[in-house]
PDB file of N, CA and C in Angstrom:
ATOM      1  N   MET A   1      63.817  89.690  34.163  1.00  0.00           N
ATOM      2  CA  MET A   1      64.168  88.836  33.042  1.00  0.00           C
ATOM      3  C   MET A   1      63.053  88.868  32.000  1.00  0.00           C
ATOM      4  N   LYS A   2      63.439  88.777  30.740  1.00  0.00           N
ATOM      5  CA  LYS A   2      62.456  88.731  29.666  1.00  0.00           C
ATOM      6  C   LYS A   2      61.793  87.365  29.632  1.00  0.00           C
ATOM      7  N   GLU A   3      60.515  87.337  29.365  1.00  0.00           N
ATOM      8  CA  GLU A   3      59.774  86.090  29.268  1.00  0.00           C
ATOM      9  C   GLU A   3      60.049  85.413  27.926  1.00  0.00           C
ATOM     10  N   GLY A   4      60.188  84.089  27.942  1.00  0.00           N
ATOM     11  CA  GLY A   4      60.261  83.298  26.724  1.00  0.00           C
ATOM     12  C   GLY A   4      61.619  83.178  26.067  1.00  0.00           C
ATOM     13  N   ILE A   5      62.677  83.799  26.633  1.00  0.00           N
ATOM     14  CA  ILE A   5      63.987  83.686  25.988  1.00  0.00           C
ATOM     15  C   ILE A   5      64.982  82.862  26.804  1.00  0.00           C
ATOM     16  N   HIS A   6      64.669  82.549  28.040  1.00  0.00           N
ATOM     17  CA  HIS A   6      65.579  81.820  28.905  1.00  0.00           C
ATOM     18  C   HIS A   6      65.232  80.332  28.917  1.00  0.00           C
ATOM     19  N   PRO A   7      66.261  79.450  29.013  1.00  0.00           N
ATOM     20  CA  PRO A   7      65.979  78.017  29.084  1.00  0.00           C
ATOM     21  C   PRO A   7      65.346  77.639  30.426  1.00  0.00           C
ATOM     22  N   ASN A   8      64.726  76.487  30.462  1.00  0.00           N
ATOM     23  CA  ASN A   8      64.069  75.989  31.672  1.00  0.00           C
ATOM     24  C   ASN A   8      65.131  75.422  32.617  1.00  0.00           C
ATOM     25  N   TYR A   9      65.598  76.239  33.565  1.00  0.00           N
ATOM     26  CA  TYR A   9      66.644  75.858  34.519  1.00  0.00           C
ATOM     27  C   TYR A   9      65.970  75.335  35.778  1.00  0.00           C
ATOM     28  N   ARG A  10      66.138  74.018  36.053  1.00  0.00           N
ATOM     29  CA  ARG A  10      65.430  73.397  37.170  1.00  0.00           C
ATOM     30  C   ARG A  10      66.250  72.241  37.722  1.00  0.00           C
ATOM     31  N   ASP A  11      65.794  71.670  38.861  1.00  0.00           N
ATOM     32  CA  ASP A  11      66.439  70.486  39.420  1.00  0.00           C
ATOM     33  C   ASP A  11      66.201  69.305  38.487  1.00  0.00           C
ATOM     34  N   VAL A  12      67.280  68.541  38.210  1.00  0.00           N
ATOM     35  CA  VAL A  12      67.199  67.367  37.350  1.00  0.00           C
ATOM     36  C   VAL A  12      67.931  66.228  38.036  1.00  0.00           C
ATOM     37  N   CYS A  13      67.379  65.022  37.959  1.00  0.00           N
ATOM     38  CA  CYS A  13      68.018  63.835  38.503  1.00  0.00           C
ATOM     39  C   CYS A  13      68.801  63.157  37.382  1.00  0.00           C
ATOM     40  N   PHE A  14      70.105  63.007  37.574  1.00  0.00           N
ATOM     41  CA  PHE A  14      70.962  62.301  36.628  1.00  0.00           C
ATOM     42  C   PHE A  14      71.199  60.903  37.183  1.00  0.00           C
ATOM     43  N   VAL A  15      71.074  59.876  36.344  1.00  0.00           N
ATOM     44  CA  VAL A  15      71.290  58.501  36.782  1.00  0.00           C
ATOM     45  C   VAL A  15      72.331  57.853  35.870  1.00  0.00           C
ATOM     46  N   ASP A  16      73.302  57.178  36.492  1.00  0.00           N
ATOM     47  CA  ASP A  16      74.342  56.442  35.781  1.00  0.00           C
ATOM     48  C   ASP A  16      73.790  55.060  35.455  1.00  0.00           C
ATOM     49  N   LEU A  17      73.670  54.743  34.173  1.00  0.00           N
ATOM     50  CA  LEU A  17      73.071  53.477  33.765  1.00  0.00           C
ATOM     51  C   LEU A  17      73.948  52.266  34.075  1.00  0.00           C
ATOM     52  N   SER A  18      75.252  52.461  34.248  1.00  0.00           N
ATOM     53  CA  SER A  18      76.139  51.327  34.500  1.00  0.00           C
ATOM     54  C   SER A  18      76.066  50.814  35.935  1.00  0.00           C
ATOM     55  N   ASN A  19      75.725  51.699  36.900  1.00  0.00           N
ATOM     56  CA  ASN A  19      75.684  51.236  38.289  1.00  0.00           C
ATOM     57  C   ASN A  19      74.482  51.760  39.085  1.00  0.00           C
ATOM     58  N   GLY A  20      73.633  52.567  38.478  1.00  0.00           N
ATOM     59  CA  GLY A  20      72.435  53.047  39.159  1.00  0.00           C
ATOM     60  C   GLY A  20      72.646  54.235  40.075  1.00  0.00           C
ATOM     61  N   PHE A  21      73.841  54.823  40.080  1.00  0.00           N
ATOM     62  CA  PHE A  21      74.135  55.987  40.928  1.00  0.00           C
ATOM     63  C   PHE A  21      73.291  57.180  40.472  1.00  0.00           C
ATOM     64  N   LYS A  22      72.642  57.843  41.423  1.00  0.00           N
ATOM     65  CA  LYS A  22      71.797  59.004  41.126  1.00  0.00           C
ATOM     66  C   LYS A  22      72.329  60.232  41.844  1.00  0.00           C
ATOM     67  N   PHE A  23      72.216  61.381  41.178  1.00  0.00           N
ATOM     68  CA  PHE A  23      72.511  62.647  41.836  1.00  0.00           C
ATOM     69  C   PHE A  23      71.622  63.722  41.245  1.00  0.00           C
ATOM     70  N   VAL A  24      71.314  64.717  42.053  1.00  0.00           N
ATOM     71  CA  VAL A  24      70.419  65.801  41.652  1.00  0.00           C
ATOM     72  C   VAL A  24      71.225  67.085  41.577  1.00  0.00           C
ATOM     73  N   THR A  25      71.047  67.801  40.482  1.00  0.00           N
ATOM     74  CA  THR A  25      71.670  69.100  40.307  1.00  0.00           C
ATOM     75  C   THR A  25      70.768  69.949  39.428  1.00  0.00           C
ATOM     76  N   ARG A  26      71.041  71.227  39.358  1.00  0.00           N
ATOM     77  CA  ARG A  26      70.243  72.108  38.517  1.00  0.00           C
ATOM     78  C   ARG A  26      70.802  72.080  37.109  1.00  0.00           C
ATOM     79  N   SER A  27      69.904  72.007  36.111  1.00  0.00           N
ATOM     80  CA  SER A  27      70.335  71.882  34.729  1.00  0.00           C
ATOM     81  C   SER A  27      69.249  72.350  33.770  1.00  0.00           C
ATOM     82  N   CYS A  28      69.672  72.618  32.544  1.00  0.00           N
ATOM     83  CA  CYS A  28      68.754  72.941  31.447  1.00  0.00           C
ATOM     84  C   CYS A  28      68.622  71.745  30.502  1.00  0.00           C
ATOM     85  N   ALA A  29      69.164  70.599  30.871  1.00  0.00           N
ATOM     86  CA  ALA A  29      69.177  69.423  30.007  1.00  0.00           C
ATOM     87  C   ALA A  29      67.752  69.015  29.624  1.00  0.00           C
ATOM     88  N   PRO A  30      67.534  68.759  28.334  1.00  0.00           N
ATOM     89  CA  PRO A  30      66.194  68.345  27.898  1.00  0.00           C
ATOM     90  C   PRO A  30      65.893  66.904  28.342  1.00  0.00           C
ATOM     91  N   THR A  31      64.721  66.683  28.899  1.00  0.00           N
ATOM     92  CA  THR A  31      64.343  65.348  29.376  1.00  0.00           C
ATOM     93  C   THR A  31      62.910  65.035  28.953  1.00  0.00           C
ATOM     94  N   LYS A  32      62.630  63.736  28.856  1.00  0.00           N
ATOM     95  CA  LYS A  32      61.280  63.292  28.522  1.00  0.00           C
ATOM     96  C   LYS A  32      60.674  62.445  29.634  1.00  0.00           C
ATOM     97  N   GLU A  33      61.537  61.903  30.506  1.00  0.00           N
ATOM     98  CA  GLU A  33      61.071  61.018  31.569  1.00  0.00           C
ATOM     99  C   GLU A  33      61.120  61.719  32.915  1.00  0.00           C
ATOM    100  N   MET A  34      60.337  61.209  33.850  1.00  0.00           N
ATOM    101  CA  MET A  34      60.315  61.711  35.222  1.00  0.00           C
ATOM    102  C   MET A  34      60.661  60.554  36.153  1.00  0.00           C
ATOM    103  N   VAL A  35      61.180  60.869  37.341  1.00  0.00           N
ATOM    104  CA  VAL A  35      61.513  59.854  38.339  1.00  0.00           C
ATOM    105  C   VAL A  35      61.052  60.350  39.698  1.00  0.00           C
ATOM    106  N   LYS A  36      60.568  59.447  40.518  1.00  0.00           N
ATOM    107  CA  LYS A  36      60.124  59.772  41.881  1.00  0.00           C
ATOM    108  C   LYS A  36      61.309  59.557  42.820  1.00  0.00           C
ATOM    109  N   MET A  37      61.701  60.595  43.526  1.00  0.00           N
ATOM    110  CA  MET A  37      62.842  60.522  44.436  1.00  0.00           C
ATOM    111  C   MET A  37      62.400  59.971  45.791  1.00  0.00           C
ATOM    112  N   ASP A  38      63.381  59.626  46.629  1.00  0.00           N
ATOM    113  CA  ASP A  38      63.109  59.076  47.962  1.00  0.00           C
ATOM    114  C   ASP A  38      62.390  60.081  48.858  1.00  0.00           C
ATOM    115  N   ASP A  39      62.645  61.371  48.651  1.00  0.00           N
ATOM    116  CA  ASP A  39      62.019  62.400  49.485  1.00  0.00           C
ATOM    117  C   ASP A  39      60.631  62.799  48.985  1.00  0.00           C
ATOM    118  N   GLY A  40      60.125  62.140  47.931  1.00  0.00           N
ATOM    119  CA  GLY A  40      58.781  62.389  47.443  1.00  0.00           C
ATOM    120  C   GLY A  40      58.695  63.325  46.246  1.00  0.00           C
ATOM    121  N   ARG A  41      59.784  64.003  45.922  1.00  0.00           N
ATOM    122  CA  ARG A  41      59.764  64.907  44.766  1.00  0.00           C
ATOM    123  C   ARG A  41      59.754  64.105  43.466  1.00  0.00           C
ATOM    124  N   GLU A  42      59.122  64.637  42.463  1.00  0.00           N
ATOM    125  CA  GLU A  42      59.157  64.041  41.132  1.00  0.00           C
ATOM    126  C   GLU A  42      59.970  64.978  40.243  1.00  0.00           C
ATOM    127  N   LEU A  43      61.107  64.463  39.745  1.00  0.00           N
ATOM    128  CA  LEU A  43      62.046  65.279  38.989  1.00  0.00           C
ATOM    129  C   LEU A  43      62.238  64.734  37.583  1.00  0.00           C
ATOM    130  N   PRO A  44      62.644  65.588  36.654  1.00  0.00           N
ATOM    131  CA  PRO A  44      63.007  65.108  35.317  1.00  0.00           C
ATOM    132  C   PRO A  44      64.217  64.179  35.415  1.00  0.00           C
ATOM    133  N   LEU A  45      64.261  63.161  34.583  1.00  0.00           N
ATOM    134  CA  LEU A  45      65.321  62.153  34.612  1.00  0.00           C
ATOM    135  C   LEU A  45      66.190  62.273  33.376  1.00  0.00           C
ATOM    136  N   PHE A  46      67.515  62.332  33.578  1.00  0.00           N
ATOM    137  CA  PHE A  46      68.480  62.365  32.489  1.00  0.00           C
ATOM    138  C   PHE A  46      69.415  61.180  32.675  1.00  0.00           C
ATOM    139  N   LYS A  47      69.501  60.297  31.678  1.00  0.00           N
ATOM    140  CA  LYS A  47      70.300  59.077  31.783  1.00  0.00           C
ATOM    141  C   LYS A  47      71.703  59.308  31.230  1.00  0.00           C
ATOM    142  N   LEU A  48      72.717  58.827  31.977  1.00  0.00           N
ATOM    143  CA  LEU A  48      74.114  58.968  31.608  1.00  0.00           C
ATOM    144  C   LEU A  48      74.736  57.594  31.383  1.00  0.00           C
ATOM    145  N   GLU A  49      75.682  57.498  30.474  1.00  0.00           N
ATOM    146  CA  GLU A  49      76.425  56.250  30.278  1.00  0.00           C
ATOM    147  C   GLU A  49      77.463  56.066  31.380  1.00  0.00           C
ATOM    148  N   THR A  50      78.160  57.136  31.730  1.00  0.00           N
ATOM    149  CA  THR A  50      79.172  57.086  32.792  1.00  0.00           C
ATOM    150  C   THR A  50      79.067  58.337  33.646  1.00  0.00           C
ATOM    151  N   SER A  51      79.507  58.215  34.869  1.00  0.00           N
ATOM    152  CA  SER A  51      79.598  59.360  35.777  1.00  0.00           C
ATOM    153  C   SER A  51      80.888  59.192  36.569  1.00  0.00           C
ATOM    154  N   SER A  52      81.120  60.056  37.531  1.00  0.00           N
ATOM    155  CA  SER A  52      82.331  59.950  38.342  1.00  0.00           C
ATOM    156  C   SER A  52      82.350  58.666  39.170  1.00  0.00           C
ATOM    157  N   GLU A  53      81.204  58.049  39.384  1.00  0.00           N
ATOM    158  CA  GLU A  53      81.138  56.805  40.151  1.00  0.00           C
ATOM    159  C   GLU A  53      81.560  55.593  39.331  1.00  0.00           C
ATOM    160  N   SER A  54      81.523  55.685  37.988  1.00  0.00           N
ATOM    161  CA  SER A  54      81.852  54.522  37.170  1.00  0.00           C
ATOM    162  C   SER A  54      83.004  54.760  36.199  1.00  0.00           C
ATOM    163  N   HIS A  55      83.454  56.010  36.033  1.00  0.00           N
ATOM    164  CA  HIS A  55      84.531  56.299  35.094  1.00  0.00           C
ATOM    165  C   HIS A  55      85.866  55.812  35.658  1.00  0.00           C
ATOM    166  N   ALA A  56      86.673  55.187  34.809  1.00  0.00           N
ATOM    167  CA  ALA A  56      87.935  54.584  35.245  1.00  0.00           C
ATOM    168  C   ALA A  56      88.903  55.599  35.856  1.00  0.00           C
ATOM    169  N   PHE A  57      88.908  56.821  35.387  1.00  0.00           N
ATOM    170  CA  PHE A  57      89.813  57.830  35.933  1.00  0.00           C
ATOM    171  C   PHE A  57      89.502  58.107  37.398  1.00  0.00           C
ATOM    172  N   TYR A  58      88.229  58.197  37.759  1.00  0.00           N
ATOM    173  CA  TYR A  58      87.830  58.529  39.125  1.00  0.00           C
ATOM    174  C   TYR A  58      87.822  57.317  40.052  1.00  0.00           C
ATOM    175  N   THR A  59      87.683  56.123  39.511  1.00  0.00           N
ATOM    176  CA  THR A  59      87.657  54.931  40.357  1.00  0.00           C
ATOM    177  C   THR A  59      89.042  54.359  40.600  1.00  0.00           C
ATOM    178  N   GLY A  60      90.065  54.869  39.881  1.00  0.00           N
ATOM    179  CA  GLY A  60      91.429  54.395  40.075  1.00  0.00           C
ATOM    180  C   GLY A  60      91.766  53.165  39.262  1.00  0.00           C
ATOM    181  N   GLN A  61      90.966  52.776  38.316  1.00  0.00           N
ATOM    182  CA  GLN A  61      91.223  51.588  37.509  1.00  0.00           C
ATOM    183  C   GLN A  61      91.898  51.916  36.185  1.00  0.00           C
ATOM    184  N   GLN A  62      92.143  53.205  35.929  1.00  0.00           N
ATOM    185  CA  GLN A  62      92.759  53.618  34.683  1.00  0.00           C
ATOM    186  C   GLN A  62      94.247  53.311  34.718  1.00  0.00           C
ATOM    187  N   LYS A  63      94.782  52.802  33.617  1.00  0.00           N
ATOM    188  CA  LYS A  63      96.202  52.519  33.513  1.00  0.00           C
ATOM    189  C   LYS A  63      96.914  53.757  32.996  1.00  0.00           C
ATOM    190  N   SER A  64      98.036  54.054  33.588  1.00  0.00           N
ATOM    191  CA  SER A  64      98.805  55.227  33.184  1.00  0.00           C
ATOM    192  C   SER A  64      99.672  54.879  31.977  1.00  0.00           C
ATOM    193  N   VAL A  65      99.719  55.758  31.018  1.00  0.00           N
ATOM    194  CA  VAL A  65     100.534  55.535  29.822  1.00  0.00           C
ATOM    195  C   VAL A  65     102.012  55.666  30.165  1.00  0.00           C
ATOM    196  N   ASP A  66     102.354  56.443  31.183  1.00  0.00           N
ATOM    197  CA  ASP A  66     103.750  56.664  31.555  1.00  0.00           C
ATOM    198  C   ASP A  66     104.431  55.377  32.008  1.00  0.00           C
ATOM    199  N   THR A  67     103.707  54.466  32.633  1.00  0.00           N
ATOM    200  CA  THR A  67     104.309  53.231  33.119  1.00  0.00           C
ATOM    201  C   THR A  67     104.579  52.253  31.977  1.00  0.00           C
ATOM    202  N   LEU A  68     103.942  52.450  30.842  1.00  0.00           N
ATOM    203  CA  LEU A  68     104.144  51.554  29.706  1.00  0.00           C
ATOM    204  C   LEU A  68     105.343  51.975  28.854  1.00  0.00           C
ATOM    205  N   GLY A  69     105.904  53.136  29.087  1.00  0.00           N
ATOM    206  CA  GLY A  69     107.042  53.626  28.326  1.00  0.00           C
ATOM    207  C   GLY A  69     106.605  54.422  27.121  1.00  0.00           C
ATOM    208  N   GLY A  70     107.382  55.431  26.805  1.00  0.00           N
ATOM    209  CA  GLY A  70     107.048  56.277  25.672  1.00  0.00           C
ATOM    210  C   GLY A  70     107.713  55.791  24.399  1.00  0.00           C
ATOM    211  N   ARG A  71     107.564  56.548  23.327  1.00  0.00           N
ATOM    212  CA  ARG A  71     108.133  56.173  22.031  1.00  0.00           C
ATOM    213  C   ARG A  71     109.659  56.160  22.060  1.00  0.00           C
ATOM    214  N   VAL A  72     110.240  57.155  22.719  1.00  0.00           N
ATOM    215  CA  VAL A  72     111.701  57.229  22.782  1.00  0.00           C
ATOM    216  C   VAL A  72     112.250  56.031  23.542  1.00  0.00           C
ATOM    217  N   GLU A  73     111.611  55.688  24.648  1.00  0.00           N
ATOM    218  CA  GLU A  73     112.072  54.551  25.447  1.00  0.00           C
ATOM    219  C   GLU A  73     111.939  53.244  24.675  1.00  0.00           C
ATOM    220  N   LYS A  74     110.874  53.079  23.935  1.00  0.00           N
ATOM    221  CA  LYS A  74     110.696  51.872  23.114  1.00  0.00           C
ATOM    222  C   LYS A  74     111.774  51.794  22.036  1.00  0.00           C
ATOM    223  N   PHE A  75     112.101  52.937  21.415  1.00  0.00           N
ATOM    224  CA  PHE A  75     113.140  52.980  20.394  1.00  0.00           C
ATOM    225  C   PHE A  75     114.487  52.600  20.982  1.00  0.00           C
ATOM    226  N   ARG A  76     114.810  53.168  22.141  1.00  0.00           N
ATOM    227  CA  ARG A  76     116.093  52.858  22.790  1.00  0.00           C
ATOM    228  C   ARG A  76     116.193  51.380  23.145  1.00  0.00           C
ATOM    229  N   ASN A  77     115.123  50.804  23.647  1.00  0.00           N
ATOM    230  CA  ASN A  77     115.130  49.386  23.988  1.00  0.00           C
ATOM    231  C   ASN A  77     115.265  48.497  22.749  1.00  0.00           C
ATOM    232  N   LYS A  78     114.629  48.888  21.687  1.00  0.00           N
ATOM    233  CA  LYS A  78     114.648  48.097  20.454  1.00  0.00           C
ATOM    234  C   LYS A  78     116.028  48.084  19.793  1.00  0.00           C
ATOM    235  N   PHE A  79     116.729  49.224  19.826  1.00  0.00           N
ATOM    236  CA  PHE A  79     118.005  49.342  19.143  1.00  0.00           C
ATOM    237  C   PHE A  79     119.195  49.469  20.092  1.00  0.00           C
ATOM    238  N   ALA A  80     119.032  49.078  21.330  1.00  0.00           N
ATOM    239  CA  ALA A  80     120.124  49.178  22.306  1.00  0.00           C
ATOM    240  C   ALA A  80     121.284  48.275  21.942  1.00  0.00           C
ATOM    241  N   HIS A  81     121.022  47.116  21.372  1.00  0.00           N
ATOM    242  CA  HIS A  81     122.098  46.170  21.025  1.00  0.00           C
ATOM    243  C   HIS A  81     122.979  46.691  19.891  1.00  0.00           C
ATOM    244  N   LEU A  82     122.508  47.603  19.064  1.00  0.00           N
ATOM    245  CA  LEU A  82     123.301  48.144  17.960  1.00  0.00           C
ATOM    246  C   LEU A  82     124.305  49.186  18.416  1.00  0.00           C
ATOM    247  N   SER A  83     124.027  49.881  19.498  1.00  0.00           N
ATOM    248  CA  SER A  83     124.943  50.933  19.964  1.00  0.00           C
ATOM    249  C   SER A  83     126.098  50.362  20.758  1.00  0.00           C
ATOM    250  N   LYS A  84     125.992  49.170  21.279  1.00  0.00           N
ATOM    251  CA  LYS A  84     127.071  48.538  22.060  1.00  0.00           C
ATOM    252  C   LYS A  84     127.980  47.769  21.116  1.00  0.00           C
ATOM    253  N   LYS A  85     129.272  48.196  21.042  1.00  0.00           N
ATOM    254  CA  LYS A  85     130.213  47.531  20.127  1.00  0.00           C
ATOM    255  C   LYS A  85     131.297  46.830  20.873  1.00  0.00           C
TER     256      LYS A  85
END
């Protein structure tokens, strides 16, 4: 590999700010802070607003749009009394 043209690919600790969930993966993400892990390693820290542990889609708290009815169904319900003579 050529020197000086590749990004710094290393282990990075990502932390979810909403619930404190941490996970380590390899990344080129730019970081300024470091964190001490339970196993003694000191890794770069990248803060996230949401992760799979707090996102509504993955936790099952997301409401499905299909259960609320679509535009056609709303139209039919709104004007159903006009079609019945």
